[in-house]
């Protein structure tokens, strides 16, 4: 893990920790043993799939149109957020039956 200085503007200096994927997973699973990373990752991938299915379900300009010559690459910066369950417990995602 390395510390990175980013100059956000001329007055504010922010330090971020860059954690590479292969370091992140063991750290995550140690901190949140009740959430195996493979399950969290599967939910994230499912959300991405649903996003692109919805975005391509309508023709352009309302959706992402088909363009066979496209070599587009999509990237996502992702932040995980806690949700609150019915009993006040912290959840990364609601566990859905059948998934």
C-alpha atoms as a PDB file:
ATOM      1  CA  UNK A   1       0.000   0.000   0.000  1.00  0.00           C
ATOM      2  CA  UNK A   2       1.404   3.373  -0.906  1.00  0.00           C
ATOM      3  CA  UNK A   3       0.429   6.872   0.137  1.00  0.00           C
ATOM      4  CA  UNK A   4      -0.341   9.248  -2.715  1.00  0.00           C
ATOM      5  CA  UNK A   5      -0.461  13.043  -2.486  1.00  0.00           C
ATOM      6  CA  UNK A   6      -3.058  14.593  -4.761  1.00  0.00           C
ATOM      7  CA  UNK A   7      -3.358  18.319  -5.270  1.00  0.00           C
ATOM      8  CA  UNK A   8      -7.137  18.860  -5.468  1.00  0.00           C
ATOM      9  CA  UNK A   9      -6.835  22.615  -5.783  1.00  0.00           C
ATOM     10  CA  UNK A  10      -4.321  25.278  -4.837  1.00  0.00           C
ATOM     11  CA  UNK A  11      -5.410  25.327  -1.173  1.00  0.00           C
ATOM     12  CA  UNK A  12      -6.365  21.733  -0.374  1.00  0.00           C
ATOM     13  CA  UNK A  13      -3.938  18.839  -0.257  1.00  0.00           C
ATOM     14  CA  UNK A  14      -5.388  15.360   0.265  1.00  0.00           C
ATOM     15  CA  UNK A  15      -3.607  12.081   0.964  1.00  0.00           C
ATOM     16  CA  UNK A  16      -5.088   8.888  -0.458  1.00  0.00           C
ATOM     17  CA  UNK A  17      -4.020   5.331   0.134  1.00  0.00           C
ATOM     18  CA  UNK A  18      -3.731   3.328  -3.044  1.00  0.00           C
ATOM     19  CA  UNK A  19      -4.457  -0.306  -2.309  1.00  0.00           C
ATOM     20  CA  UNK A  20      -3.975  -2.709  -5.173  1.00  0.00           C
ATOM     21  CA  UNK A  21      -6.573  -5.381  -5.845  1.00  0.00           C
ATOM     22  CA  UNK A  22      -4.446  -8.297  -4.651  1.00  0.00           C
ATOM     23  CA  UNK A  23      -3.835  -6.517  -1.326  1.00  0.00           C
ATOM     24  CA  UNK A  24      -7.400  -5.265  -0.952  1.00  0.00           C
ATOM     25  CA  UNK A  25      -9.175  -8.630  -0.877  1.00  0.00           C
ATOM     26  CA  UNK A  26      -7.332 -10.109   2.145  1.00  0.00           C
ATOM     27  CA  UNK A  27      -7.663  -6.777   3.986  1.00  0.00           C
ATOM     28  CA  UNK A  28     -11.395  -6.633   3.225  1.00  0.00           C
ATOM     29  CA  UNK A  29     -12.038 -10.234   4.270  1.00  0.00           C
ATOM     30  CA  UNK A  30     -10.101  -9.758   7.498  1.00  0.00           C
ATOM     31  CA  UNK A  31     -12.083  -6.632   8.370  1.00  0.00           C
ATOM     32  CA  UNK A  32     -15.470  -8.019   7.252  1.00  0.00           C
ATOM     33  CA  UNK A  33     -15.348 -11.819   7.651  1.00  0.00           C
ATOM     34  CA  UNK A  34     -19.145 -12.038   7.369  1.00  0.00           C
ATOM     35  CA  UNK A  35     -18.884 -10.752   3.762  1.00  0.00           C
ATOM     36  CA  UNK A  36     -16.749 -13.078   1.616  1.00  0.00           C
ATOM     37  CA  UNK A  37     -15.292 -10.980  -1.198  1.00  0.00           C
ATOM     38  CA  UNK A  38     -16.504 -13.424  -3.865  1.00  0.00           C
ATOM     39  CA  UNK A  39     -20.117 -12.734  -2.785  1.00  0.00           C
ATOM     40  CA  UNK A  40     -19.614  -8.965  -2.716  1.00  0.00           C
ATOM     41  CA  UNK A  41     -17.854  -9.093  -6.088  1.00  0.00           C
ATOM     42  CA  UNK A  42     -20.691 -11.184  -7.573  1.00  0.00           C
ATOM     43  CA  UNK A  43     -23.224  -8.569  -6.432  1.00  0.00           C
ATOM     44  CA  UNK A  44     -21.112  -5.771  -7.937  1.00  0.00           C
ATOM     45  CA  UNK A  45     -20.827  -7.617 -11.262  1.00  0.00           C
ATOM     46  CA  UNK A  46     -24.574  -8.273 -11.226  1.00  0.00           C
ATOM     47  CA  UNK A  47     -25.198  -4.543 -10.734  1.00  0.00           C
ATOM     48  CA  UNK A  48     -22.867  -3.727 -13.667  1.00  0.00           C
ATOM     49  CA  UNK A  49     -24.669  -6.264 -15.848  1.00  0.00           C
ATOM     50  CA  UNK A  50     -28.058  -4.776 -14.946  1.00  0.00           C
ATOM     51  CA  UNK A  51     -26.730  -1.269 -15.622  1.00  0.00           C
ATOM     52  CA  UNK A  52     -25.554  -2.141 -19.137  1.00  0.00           C
ATOM     53  CA  UNK A  53     -28.687  -4.172 -19.889  1.00  0.00           C
ATOM     54  CA  UNK A  54     -30.834  -1.181 -18.941  1.00  0.00           C
ATOM     55  CA  UNK A  55     -28.597   1.273 -20.809  1.00  0.00           C
ATOM     56  CA  UNK A  56     -28.738  -0.793 -23.995  1.00  0.00           C
ATOM     57  CA  UNK A  57     -32.429  -1.718 -23.792  1.00  0.00           C
ATOM     58  CA  UNK A  58     -33.484   1.346 -25.794  1.00  0.00           C
ATOM     59  CA  UNK A  59     -32.055   2.696 -29.029  1.00  0.00           C
ATOM     60  CA  UNK A  60     -29.939   5.851 -29.119  1.00  0.00           C
ATOM     61  CA  UNK A  61     -30.287   8.633 -28.101  1.00  0.00           C
ATOM     62  CA  UNK A  62     -32.196   7.255 -25.090  1.00  0.00           C
ATOM     63  CA  UNK A  63     -29.841   4.326 -24.624  1.00  0.00           C
ATOM     64  CA  UNK A  64     -26.456   3.038 -25.704  1.00  0.00           C
ATOM     65  CA  UNK A  65     -26.878   2.214 -29.366  1.00  0.00           C
ATOM     66  CA  UNK A  66     -25.297  -0.668 -31.194  1.00  0.00           C
ATOM     67  CA  UNK A  67     -22.112   0.214 -33.046  1.00  0.00           C
ATOM     68  CA  UNK A  68     -20.249  -2.901 -34.244  1.00  0.00           C
ATOM     69  CA  UNK A  69     -17.058  -0.947 -35.018  1.00  0.00           C
ATOM     70  CA  UNK A  70     -16.874   0.503 -31.519  1.00  0.00           C
ATOM     71  CA  UNK A  71     -13.816  -0.310 -29.470  1.00  0.00           C
ATOM     72  CA  UNK A  72     -15.154   1.432 -26.384  1.00  0.00           C
ATOM     73  CA  UNK A  73     -13.858   0.416 -22.994  1.00  0.00           C
ATOM     74  CA  UNK A  74     -15.821   1.257 -19.879  1.00  0.00           C
ATOM     75  CA  UNK A  75     -14.300   1.784 -16.460  1.00  0.00           C
ATOM     76  CA  UNK A  76     -15.915   2.291 -13.090  1.00  0.00           C
ATOM     77  CA  UNK A  77     -14.604   3.808  -9.895  1.00  0.00           C
ATOM     78  CA  UNK A  78     -16.556   2.192  -7.134  1.00  0.00           C
ATOM     79  CA  UNK A  79     -17.146   3.044  -3.499  1.00  0.00           C
ATOM     80  CA  UNK A  80     -18.904   0.562  -1.252  1.00  0.00           C
ATOM     81  CA  UNK A  81     -21.538   1.997   1.041  1.00  0.00           C
ATOM     82  CA  UNK A  82     -23.196   0.537   4.092  1.00  0.00           C
ATOM     83  CA  UNK A  83     -26.952   0.087   4.116  1.00  0.00           C
ATOM     84  CA  UNK A  84     -28.997  -0.431   7.241  1.00  0.00           C
ATOM     85  CA  UNK A  85     -30.989  -3.632   7.651  1.00  0.00           C
ATOM     86  CA  UNK A  86     -34.394  -3.986   9.269  1.00  0.00           C
ATOM     87  CA  UNK A  87     -32.764  -4.605  12.651  1.00  0.00           C
ATOM     88  CA  UNK A  88     -30.326  -1.699  12.330  1.00  0.00           C
ATOM     89  CA  UNK A  89     -27.394  -3.897  11.287  1.00  0.00           C
ATOM     90  CA  UNK A  90     -24.898  -2.689   8.686  1.00  0.00           C
ATOM     91  CA  UNK A  91     -25.151  -4.337   5.262  1.00  0.00           C
ATOM     92  CA  UNK A  92     -23.113  -3.961   2.101  1.00  0.00           C
ATOM     93  CA  UNK A  93     -25.988  -5.388   0.093  1.00  0.00           C
ATOM     94  CA  UNK A  94     -29.283  -7.081   0.739  1.00  0.00           C
ATOM     95  CA  UNK A  95     -28.906 -10.809   0.360  1.00  0.00           C
ATOM     96  CA  UNK A  96     -31.549 -11.816  -2.153  1.00  0.00           C
ATOM     97  CA  UNK A  97     -32.937 -15.309  -2.328  1.00  0.00           C
ATOM     98  CA  UNK A  98     -32.237 -17.093  -5.587  1.00  0.00           C
ATOM     99  CA  UNK A  99     -29.058 -15.142  -6.342  1.00  0.00           C
END
